[in-house]
Amino acid sequence: MSHIVFLATILAKGALGLVQLATAAALYFGLAERLPTLLQNLLAAELVEDPSDYLAARIMAFAGALPQTDLSFYTVYFAAHGLLHVGIVAALLYGAAWAYGSSIIVLAVFIAYQLLEWAHVGGAMLLVLSAIDLAVILLTLIEWRQRRQAPLWFL
């Protein structure tokens, strides 16, 4: 059972990595600047029909809240995170022995960064992401132990 949960969580991490890579590509090709106009065109009919539509209003508010500054940092950030996630997931699915320890270290660094960022700016989502990463670390440890057939001292 833990193997199935492990596979599901690392596949979700891989999907997140692909979303991050797609986000980096969208930022690189300038989609962020065109997003408000694109969303306005896509949601125009809905907003004409119901100007108080909650979902459409939230999407438009999100598009309006995008930073209008140089997005180079975010492009590199999402590309690096995406490549890291996809690489680790591929290595874990392949069964590379080094991938278990490496993924635990990478996720621990993500948790530390997210908690530091949470301490600076707050936001419940950073705590949720940290909790998910912690769960993935625990599942990775269990999977690693089962693969090695040797008990780890803390499990």
N, C-alpha and C. Protein backbone atom coordinates (compact mmCIF):
# COMPACT_ATOMS: atom_id res chain seq x y z
N MET A 1 0.82 -1.20 0.00
CA MET A 1 0.00 0.00 0.00
C MET A 1 0.87 1.26 0.00
N SER A 2 1.92 1.27 0.82
CA SER A 2 2.76 2.47 0.87
C SER A 2 3.45 2.69 -0.47
N HIS A 3 3.72 1.62 -1.22
CA HIS A 3 4.35 1.76 -2.53
C HIS A 3 3.42 2.51 -3.49
N ILE A 4 2.14 2.20 -3.44
CA ILE A 4 1.17 2.86 -4.32
C ILE A 4 1.06 4.34 -3.96
N VAL A 5 1.02 4.63 -2.66
CA VAL A 5 0.95 6.03 -2.23
C VAL A 5 2.24 6.75 -2.63
N PHE A 6 3.38 6.08 -2.47
CA PHE A 6 4.66 6.65 -2.88
C PHE A 6 4.64 6.99 -4.36
N LEU A 7 4.21 6.05 -5.19
CA LEU A 7 4.15 6.30 -6.64
C LEU A 7 3.22 7.46 -6.97
N ALA A 8 2.07 7.50 -6.31
CA ALA A 8 1.12 8.58 -6.57
C ALA A 8 1.72 9.94 -6.20
N THR A 9 2.41 9.99 -5.08
CA THR A 9 2.96 11.28 -4.65
C THR A 9 4.13 11.73 -5.54
N ILE A 10 4.98 10.80 -5.95
CA ILE A 10 6.08 11.25 -6.81
C ILE A 10 5.58 11.58 -8.21
N LEU A 11 4.52 10.90 -8.67
CA LEU A 11 3.93 11.28 -9.95
C LEU A 11 3.31 12.67 -9.86
N ALA A 12 2.71 12.98 -8.71
CA ALA A 12 2.16 14.32 -8.51
C ALA A 12 3.29 15.35 -8.49
N LYS A 13 4.42 15.01 -7.86
CA LYS A 13 5.58 15.90 -7.87
C LYS A 13 6.09 16.10 -9.30
N GLY A 14 6.08 15.03 -10.09
CA GLY A 14 6.49 15.14 -11.48
C GLY A 14 5.55 16.03 -12.27
N ALA A 15 4.25 15.90 -12.01
CA ALA A 15 3.27 16.77 -12.67
C ALA A 15 3.49 18.22 -12.27
N LEU A 16 3.78 18.46 -10.99
CA LEU A 16 4.08 19.81 -10.53
C LEU A 16 5.32 20.35 -11.26
N GLY A 17 6.32 19.50 -11.44
CA GLY A 17 7.52 19.90 -12.17
C GLY A 17 7.20 20.30 -13.60
N LEU A 18 6.32 19.54 -14.24
CA LEU A 18 5.93 19.88 -15.62
C LEU A 18 5.16 21.19 -15.67
N VAL A 19 4.30 21.43 -14.68
CA VAL A 19 3.57 22.71 -14.60
C VAL A 19 4.56 23.85 -14.40
N GLN A 20 5.57 23.63 -13.55
CA GLN A 20 6.58 24.67 -13.33
C GLN A 20 7.37 24.94 -14.61
N LEU A 21 7.70 23.90 -15.35
CA LEU A 21 8.40 24.11 -16.62
C LEU A 21 7.52 24.85 -17.63
N ALA A 22 6.25 24.51 -17.67
CA ALA A 22 5.32 25.21 -18.57
C ALA A 22 5.17 26.68 -18.16
N THR A 23 5.15 26.93 -16.85
CA THR A 23 5.07 28.31 -16.36
C THR A 23 6.32 29.09 -16.76
N ALA A 24 7.49 28.46 -16.62
CA ALA A 24 8.73 29.12 -17.03
C ALA A 24 8.70 29.44 -18.52
N ALA A 25 8.24 28.49 -19.32
CA ALA A 25 8.16 28.72 -20.77
C ALA A 25 7.18 29.85 -21.09
N ALA A 26 6.03 29.87 -20.40
CA ALA A 26 5.05 30.93 -20.63
C ALA A 26 5.63 32.29 -20.26
N LEU A 27 6.35 32.35 -19.16
CA LEU A 27 6.98 33.62 -18.76
C LEU A 27 8.05 34.03 -19.76
N TYR A 28 8.83 33.07 -20.20
CA TYR A 28 9.90 33.35 -21.15
C TYR A 28 9.35 33.93 -22.46
N PHE A 29 8.23 33.38 -22.91
CA PHE A 29 7.65 33.82 -24.18
C PHE A 29 6.67 34.98 -24.02
N GLY A 30 6.60 35.57 -22.82
CA GLY A 30 5.83 36.80 -22.63
C GLY A 30 4.35 36.62 -22.39
N LEU A 31 3.91 35.45 -22.04
CA LEU A 31 2.48 35.23 -21.81
C LEU A 31 1.96 36.05 -20.62
N ALA A 32 2.80 36.30 -19.62
CA ALA A 32 2.36 37.05 -18.43
C ALA A 32 1.85 38.44 -18.81
N GLU A 33 2.51 39.09 -19.76
CA GLU A 33 2.07 40.42 -20.17
C GLU A 33 0.74 40.37 -20.92
N ARG A 34 0.52 39.27 -21.64
CA ARG A 34 -0.70 39.14 -22.45
C ARG A 34 -1.84 38.46 -21.70
N LEU A 35 -1.55 37.90 -20.52
CA LEU A 35 -2.55 37.12 -19.79
C LEU A 35 -3.81 37.91 -19.44
N PRO A 36 -3.72 39.14 -18.89
CA PRO A 36 -4.96 39.86 -18.58
C PRO A 36 -5.87 40.04 -19.79
N THR A 37 -5.29 40.41 -20.92
CA THR A 37 -6.09 40.59 -22.13
C THR A 37 -6.68 39.26 -22.61
N LEU A 38 -5.86 38.22 -22.58
CA LEU A 38 -6.33 36.89 -22.99
C LEU A 38 -7.49 36.42 -22.12
N LEU A 39 -7.33 36.55 -20.81
CA LEU A 39 -8.40 36.14 -19.90
C LEU A 39 -9.65 36.99 -20.07
N GLN A 40 -9.47 38.29 -20.29
CA GLN A 40 -10.61 39.18 -20.51
C GLN A 40 -11.40 38.71 -21.73
N ASN A 41 -10.70 38.35 -22.81
CA ASN A 41 -11.36 37.85 -24.01
C ASN A 41 -12.06 36.53 -23.76
N LEU A 42 -11.42 35.63 -23.00
CA LEU A 42 -12.02 34.33 -22.72
C LEU A 42 -13.23 34.43 -21.80
N LEU A 43 -13.19 35.38 -20.87
CA LEU A 43 -14.26 35.47 -19.87
C LEU A 43 -15.29 36.55 -20.18
N ALA A 44 -15.12 37.26 -21.28
CA ALA A 44 -16.02 38.38 -21.61
C ALA A 44 -17.48 37.95 -21.65
N ALA A 45 -17.77 36.86 -22.33
CA ALA A 45 -19.16 36.40 -22.45
C ALA A 45 -19.75 36.06 -21.08
N GLU A 46 -18.96 35.41 -20.24
CA GLU A 46 -19.43 35.05 -18.91
C GLU A 46 -19.68 36.28 -18.05
N LEU A 47 -18.80 37.27 -18.15
CA LEU A 47 -18.95 38.48 -17.35
C LEU A 47 -20.11 39.35 -17.84
N VAL A 48 -20.41 39.31 -19.15
CA VAL A 48 -21.57 40.03 -19.68
C VAL A 48 -22.85 39.36 -19.18
N GLU A 49 -22.85 38.03 -19.20
CA GLU A 49 -24.02 37.27 -18.74
C GLU A 49 -24.25 37.44 -17.25
N ASP A 50 -23.17 37.38 -16.47
CA ASP A 50 -23.27 37.50 -15.01
C ASP A 50 -22.06 38.28 -14.49
N PRO A 51 -22.18 39.60 -14.37
CA PRO A 51 -21.04 40.42 -13.94
C PRO A 51 -20.55 40.07 -12.53
N SER A 52 -21.36 39.40 -11.74
CA SER A 52 -20.93 39.06 -10.38
C SER A 52 -20.45 37.61 -10.28
N ASP A 53 -20.16 36.96 -11.40
CA ASP A 53 -19.68 35.57 -11.39
C ASP A 53 -18.41 35.48 -10.54
N TYR A 54 -18.48 34.69 -9.48
CA TYR A 54 -17.38 34.62 -8.50
C TYR A 54 -16.09 34.11 -9.13
N LEU A 55 -16.17 33.00 -9.86
CA LEU A 55 -14.97 32.39 -10.43
C LEU A 55 -14.32 33.32 -11.46
N ALA A 56 -15.12 33.88 -12.34
CA ALA A 56 -14.59 34.78 -13.37
C ALA A 56 -13.95 36.01 -12.71
N ALA A 57 -14.59 36.53 -11.67
CA ALA A 57 -14.04 37.70 -10.97
C ALA A 57 -12.72 37.35 -10.29
N ARG A 58 -12.62 36.16 -9.71
CA ARG A 58 -11.38 35.74 -9.05
C ARG A 58 -10.27 35.57 -10.07
N ILE A 59 -10.58 34.98 -11.21
CA ILE A 59 -9.56 34.79 -12.26
C ILE A 59 -9.06 36.14 -12.75
N MET A 60 -9.96 37.08 -12.97
CA MET A 60 -9.55 38.41 -13.43
C MET A 60 -8.74 39.14 -12.36
N ALA A 61 -9.10 38.97 -11.10
CA ALA A 61 -8.33 39.60 -10.01
C ALA A 61 -6.93 39.01 -9.96
N PHE A 62 -6.82 37.70 -10.15
CA PHE A 62 -5.52 37.05 -10.17
C PHE A 62 -4.66 37.59 -11.31
N ALA A 63 -5.26 37.71 -12.48
CA ALA A 63 -4.52 38.20 -13.65
C ALA A 63 -4.05 39.63 -13.43
N GLY A 64 -4.87 40.43 -12.76
CA GLY A 64 -4.50 41.81 -12.49
C GLY A 64 -3.44 41.94 -11.42
N ALA A 65 -3.27 40.89 -10.60
CA ALA A 65 -2.30 40.94 -9.50
C ALA A 65 -0.91 40.46 -9.92
N LEU A 66 -0.76 40.01 -11.16
CA LEU A 66 0.55 39.56 -11.60
C LEU A 66 1.53 40.72 -11.60
N PRO A 67 2.74 40.48 -11.14
CA PRO A 67 3.72 41.58 -11.11
C PRO A 67 4.04 42.05 -12.52
N GLN A 68 4.17 43.35 -12.67
CA GLN A 68 4.47 43.93 -13.97
C GLN A 68 5.96 44.31 -14.06
N THR A 69 6.78 43.62 -13.31
CA THR A 69 8.21 43.89 -13.30
C THR A 69 8.93 42.89 -14.19
N ASP A 70 10.24 42.96 -14.16
CA ASP A 70 11.05 42.00 -14.90
C ASP A 70 10.82 40.61 -14.31
N LEU A 71 10.40 39.69 -15.13
CA LEU A 71 10.04 38.35 -14.67
C LEU A 71 11.16 37.34 -14.88
N SER A 72 12.38 37.81 -15.13
CA SER A 72 13.50 36.90 -15.38
C SER A 72 13.75 35.99 -14.19
N PHE A 73 13.69 36.54 -12.97
CA PHE A 73 13.92 35.73 -11.78
C PHE A 73 12.91 34.59 -11.71
N TYR A 74 11.63 34.92 -11.92
CA TYR A 74 10.59 33.89 -11.84
C TYR A 74 10.75 32.84 -12.93
N THR A 75 11.18 33.26 -14.11
CA THR A 75 11.41 32.32 -15.20
C THR A 75 12.48 31.31 -14.82
N VAL A 76 13.60 31.80 -14.30
CA VAL A 76 14.69 30.91 -13.89
C VAL A 76 14.27 30.05 -12.70
N TYR A 77 13.56 30.66 -11.75
CA TYR A 77 13.09 29.95 -10.55
C TYR A 77 12.20 28.76 -10.92
N PHE A 78 11.18 29.02 -11.75
CA PHE A 78 10.27 27.94 -12.15
C PHE A 78 10.97 26.90 -13.00
N ALA A 79 11.87 27.32 -13.89
CA ALA A 79 12.60 26.37 -14.72
C ALA A 79 13.48 25.47 -13.87
N ALA A 80 14.20 26.05 -12.91
CA ALA A 80 15.08 25.26 -12.05
C ALA A 80 14.29 24.29 -11.19
N HIS A 81 13.22 24.77 -10.56
CA HIS A 81 12.40 23.90 -9.73
C HIS A 81 11.77 22.79 -10.56
N GLY A 82 11.28 23.14 -11.74
CA GLY A 82 10.65 22.14 -12.59
C GLY A 82 11.62 21.07 -13.03
N LEU A 83 12.80 21.48 -13.47
CA LEU A 83 13.82 20.51 -13.89
C LEU A 83 14.24 19.62 -12.73
N LEU A 84 14.37 20.20 -11.55
CA LEU A 84 14.75 19.44 -10.36
C LEU A 84 13.69 18.40 -10.02
N HIS A 85 12.42 18.83 -10.01
CA HIS A 85 11.34 17.89 -9.72
C HIS A 85 11.28 16.76 -10.75
N VAL A 86 11.29 17.12 -12.00
CA VAL A 86 11.17 16.11 -13.06
C VAL A 86 12.37 15.17 -13.04
N GLY A 87 13.57 15.70 -12.83
CA GLY A 87 14.77 14.86 -12.77
C GLY A 87 14.74 13.88 -11.62
N ILE A 88 14.39 14.35 -10.44
CA ILE A 88 14.33 13.46 -9.27
C ILE A 88 13.25 12.40 -9.46
N VAL A 89 12.08 12.81 -9.95
CA VAL A 89 11.00 11.85 -10.16
C VAL A 89 11.41 10.79 -11.18
N ALA A 90 12.04 11.21 -12.27
CA ALA A 90 12.49 10.24 -13.28
C ALA A 90 13.49 9.26 -12.67
N ALA A 91 14.42 9.78 -11.86
CA ALA A 91 15.41 8.91 -11.23
C ALA A 91 14.76 7.95 -10.24
N LEU A 92 13.78 8.42 -9.48
CA LEU A 92 13.08 7.54 -8.54
C LEU A 92 12.29 6.46 -9.28
N LEU A 93 11.61 6.85 -10.35
CA LEU A 93 10.85 5.86 -11.12
C LEU A 93 11.78 4.85 -11.79
N TYR A 94 12.95 5.30 -12.18
CA TYR A 94 13.93 4.40 -12.77
C TYR A 94 14.52 3.45 -11.73
N GLY A 95 14.50 3.89 -10.47
CA GLY A 95 15.01 3.06 -9.39
C GLY A 95 16.47 3.32 -9.07
N ALA A 96 16.99 4.46 -9.48
CA ALA A 96 18.39 4.79 -9.20
C ALA A 96 18.60 4.89 -7.69
N ALA A 97 19.59 4.20 -7.20
CA ALA A 97 19.83 4.14 -5.75
C ALA A 97 20.13 5.52 -5.17
N TRP A 98 20.85 6.36 -5.89
CA TRP A 98 21.20 7.69 -5.39
C TRP A 98 20.00 8.61 -5.29
N ALA A 99 18.94 8.32 -6.01
CA ALA A 99 17.80 9.24 -6.09
C ALA A 99 17.05 9.36 -4.77
N TYR A 100 17.03 8.31 -3.98
CA TYR A 100 16.28 8.36 -2.72
C TYR A 100 16.88 9.40 -1.77
N GLY A 101 18.16 9.28 -1.50
CA GLY A 101 18.82 10.24 -0.62
C GLY A 101 18.80 11.65 -1.20
N SER A 102 19.02 11.75 -2.51
CA SER A 102 19.03 13.06 -3.16
C SER A 102 17.67 13.74 -3.08
N SER A 103 16.61 12.97 -3.31
CA SER A 103 15.27 13.56 -3.26
C SER A 103 14.94 14.02 -1.85
N ILE A 104 15.38 13.27 -0.85
CA ILE A 104 15.14 13.67 0.54
C ILE A 104 15.86 14.98 0.84
N ILE A 105 17.09 15.10 0.39
CA ILE A 105 17.84 16.34 0.61
C ILE A 105 17.19 17.51 -0.11
N VAL A 106 16.81 17.31 -1.36
CA VAL A 106 16.19 18.38 -2.15
C VAL A 106 14.88 18.82 -1.49
N LEU A 107 14.06 17.87 -1.08
CA LEU A 107 12.79 18.23 -0.45
C LEU A 107 13.01 18.92 0.90
N ALA A 108 14.02 18.50 1.64
CA ALA A 108 14.34 19.15 2.91
C ALA A 108 14.75 20.61 2.68
N VAL A 109 15.51 20.84 1.61
CA VAL A 109 15.90 22.22 1.27
C VAL A 109 14.66 23.02 0.88
N PHE A 110 13.75 22.42 0.10
CA PHE A 110 12.50 23.09 -0.25
C PHE A 110 11.72 23.46 1.01
N ILE A 111 11.62 22.53 1.95
CA ILE A 111 10.89 22.79 3.20
C ILE A 111 11.53 23.95 3.95
N ALA A 112 12.84 23.93 4.07
CA ALA A 112 13.53 25.02 4.78
C ALA A 112 13.27 26.36 4.10
N TYR A 113 13.37 26.39 2.78
CA TYR A 113 13.12 27.63 2.04
C TYR A 113 11.68 28.10 2.23
N GLN A 114 10.73 27.17 2.10
CA GLN A 114 9.32 27.52 2.23
C GLN A 114 9.00 28.04 3.62
N LEU A 115 9.59 27.43 4.65
CA LEU A 115 9.34 27.89 6.01
C LEU A 115 9.98 29.26 6.27
N LEU A 116 11.16 29.50 5.70
CA LEU A 116 11.77 30.83 5.81
C LEU A 116 10.90 31.87 5.10
N GLU A 117 10.42 31.52 3.94
CA GLU A 117 9.57 32.43 3.19
C GLU A 117 8.26 32.68 3.96
N TRP A 118 7.72 31.63 4.57
CA TRP A 118 6.51 31.77 5.37
C TRP A 118 6.76 32.71 6.55
N ALA A 119 7.92 32.59 7.20
CA ALA A 119 8.24 33.46 8.33
C ALA A 119 8.35 34.92 7.88
N HIS A 120 8.75 35.12 6.63
CA HIS A 120 8.89 36.48 6.10
C HIS A 120 7.57 37.08 5.65
N VAL A 121 6.82 36.33 4.86
CA VAL A 121 5.62 36.90 4.23
C VAL A 121 4.32 36.23 4.67
N GLY A 122 4.41 35.10 5.35
CA GLY A 122 3.19 34.40 5.75
C GLY A 122 2.61 33.63 4.59
N GLY A 123 1.39 33.23 4.74
CA GLY A 123 0.70 32.49 3.69
C GLY A 123 0.57 31.02 4.03
N ALA A 124 -0.65 30.58 4.18
CA ALA A 124 -0.92 29.20 4.56
C ALA A 124 -0.46 28.20 3.51
N MET A 125 -0.43 28.61 2.25
CA MET A 125 -0.05 27.68 1.19
C MET A 125 1.38 27.18 1.36
N LEU A 126 2.27 28.03 1.86
CA LEU A 126 3.64 27.59 2.10
C LEU A 126 3.69 26.50 3.16
N LEU A 127 2.83 26.60 4.16
CA LEU A 127 2.77 25.55 5.19
C LEU A 127 2.20 24.26 4.61
N VAL A 128 1.20 24.39 3.76
CA VAL A 128 0.61 23.20 3.12
C VAL A 128 1.65 22.52 2.24
N LEU A 129 2.38 23.29 1.43
CA LEU A 129 3.42 22.72 0.57
C LEU A 129 4.51 22.04 1.40
N SER A 130 4.86 22.66 2.52
CA SER A 130 5.88 22.07 3.39
C SER A 130 5.39 20.75 3.99
N ALA A 131 4.13 20.71 4.40
CA ALA A 131 3.57 19.48 4.95
C ALA A 131 3.54 18.37 3.90
N ILE A 132 3.19 18.73 2.67
CA ILE A 132 3.17 17.73 1.59
C ILE A 132 4.59 17.23 1.33
N ASP A 133 5.55 18.14 1.29
CA ASP A 133 6.94 17.73 1.07
C ASP A 133 7.44 16.83 2.20
N LEU A 134 7.04 17.14 3.42
CA LEU A 134 7.42 16.30 4.56
C LEU A 134 6.82 14.90 4.42
N ALA A 135 5.57 14.82 3.99
CA ALA A 135 4.94 13.52 3.77
C ALA A 135 5.66 12.74 2.67
N VAL A 136 6.07 13.43 1.61
CA VAL A 136 6.81 12.78 0.52
C VAL A 136 8.15 12.27 1.03
N ILE A 137 8.81 13.04 1.90
CA ILE A 137 10.07 12.58 2.49
C ILE A 137 9.85 11.29 3.27
N LEU A 138 8.81 11.25 4.08
CA LEU A 138 8.53 10.04 4.87
C LEU A 138 8.22 8.85 3.97
N LEU A 139 7.43 9.07 2.93
CA LEU A 139 7.12 7.98 1.99
C LEU A 139 8.37 7.53 1.25
N THR A 140 9.24 8.46 0.92
CA THR A 140 10.49 8.11 0.24
C THR A 140 11.38 7.28 1.16
N LEU A 141 11.44 7.65 2.44
CA LEU A 141 12.22 6.87 3.40
C LEU A 141 11.68 5.44 3.53
N ILE A 142 10.37 5.31 3.59
CA ILE A 142 9.76 3.98 3.69
C ILE A 142 10.06 3.16 2.44
N GLU A 143 9.91 3.77 1.28
CA GLU A 143 10.19 3.08 0.01
C GLU A 143 11.66 2.68 -0.07
N TRP A 144 12.54 3.58 0.32
CA TRP A 144 13.98 3.32 0.30
C TRP A 144 14.32 2.15 1.21
N ARG A 145 13.73 2.13 2.39
CA ARG A 145 13.98 1.04 3.33
C ARG A 145 13.49 -0.29 2.74
N GLN A 146 12.33 -0.28 2.14
CA GLN A 146 11.80 -1.51 1.55
C GLN A 146 12.67 -1.99 0.40
N ARG A 147 13.18 -1.07 -0.39
CA ARG A 147 14.05 -1.46 -1.51
C ARG A 147 15.37 -2.04 -1.03
N ARG A 148 15.90 -1.47 0.04
CA ARG A 148 17.19 -1.93 0.57
C ARG A 148 17.03 -3.16 1.46
N GLN A 149 15.81 -3.41 1.90
CA GLN A 149 15.54 -4.55 2.80
C GLN A 149 16.36 -4.47 4.07
N ALA A 150 16.71 -3.28 4.48
CA ALA A 150 17.45 -3.10 5.72
C ALA A 150 16.74 -2.01 6.52
N PRO A 151 16.45 -2.28 7.75
CA PRO A 151 15.73 -1.27 8.54
C PRO A 151 16.56 -0.01 8.79
N LEU A 152 15.91 1.12 8.68
CA LEU A 152 16.55 2.38 9.04
C LEU A 152 16.32 2.58 10.53
N TRP A 153 17.24 3.18 11.21
CA TRP A 153 17.19 3.32 12.64
C TRP A 153 16.01 4.15 13.13
N PHE A 154 15.46 5.04 12.28
CA PHE A 154 14.38 5.92 12.74
C PHE A 154 13.02 5.50 12.24
N LEU A 155 12.91 4.36 11.56
CA LEU A 155 11.60 3.89 11.09
C LEU A 155 11.32 2.50 11.60
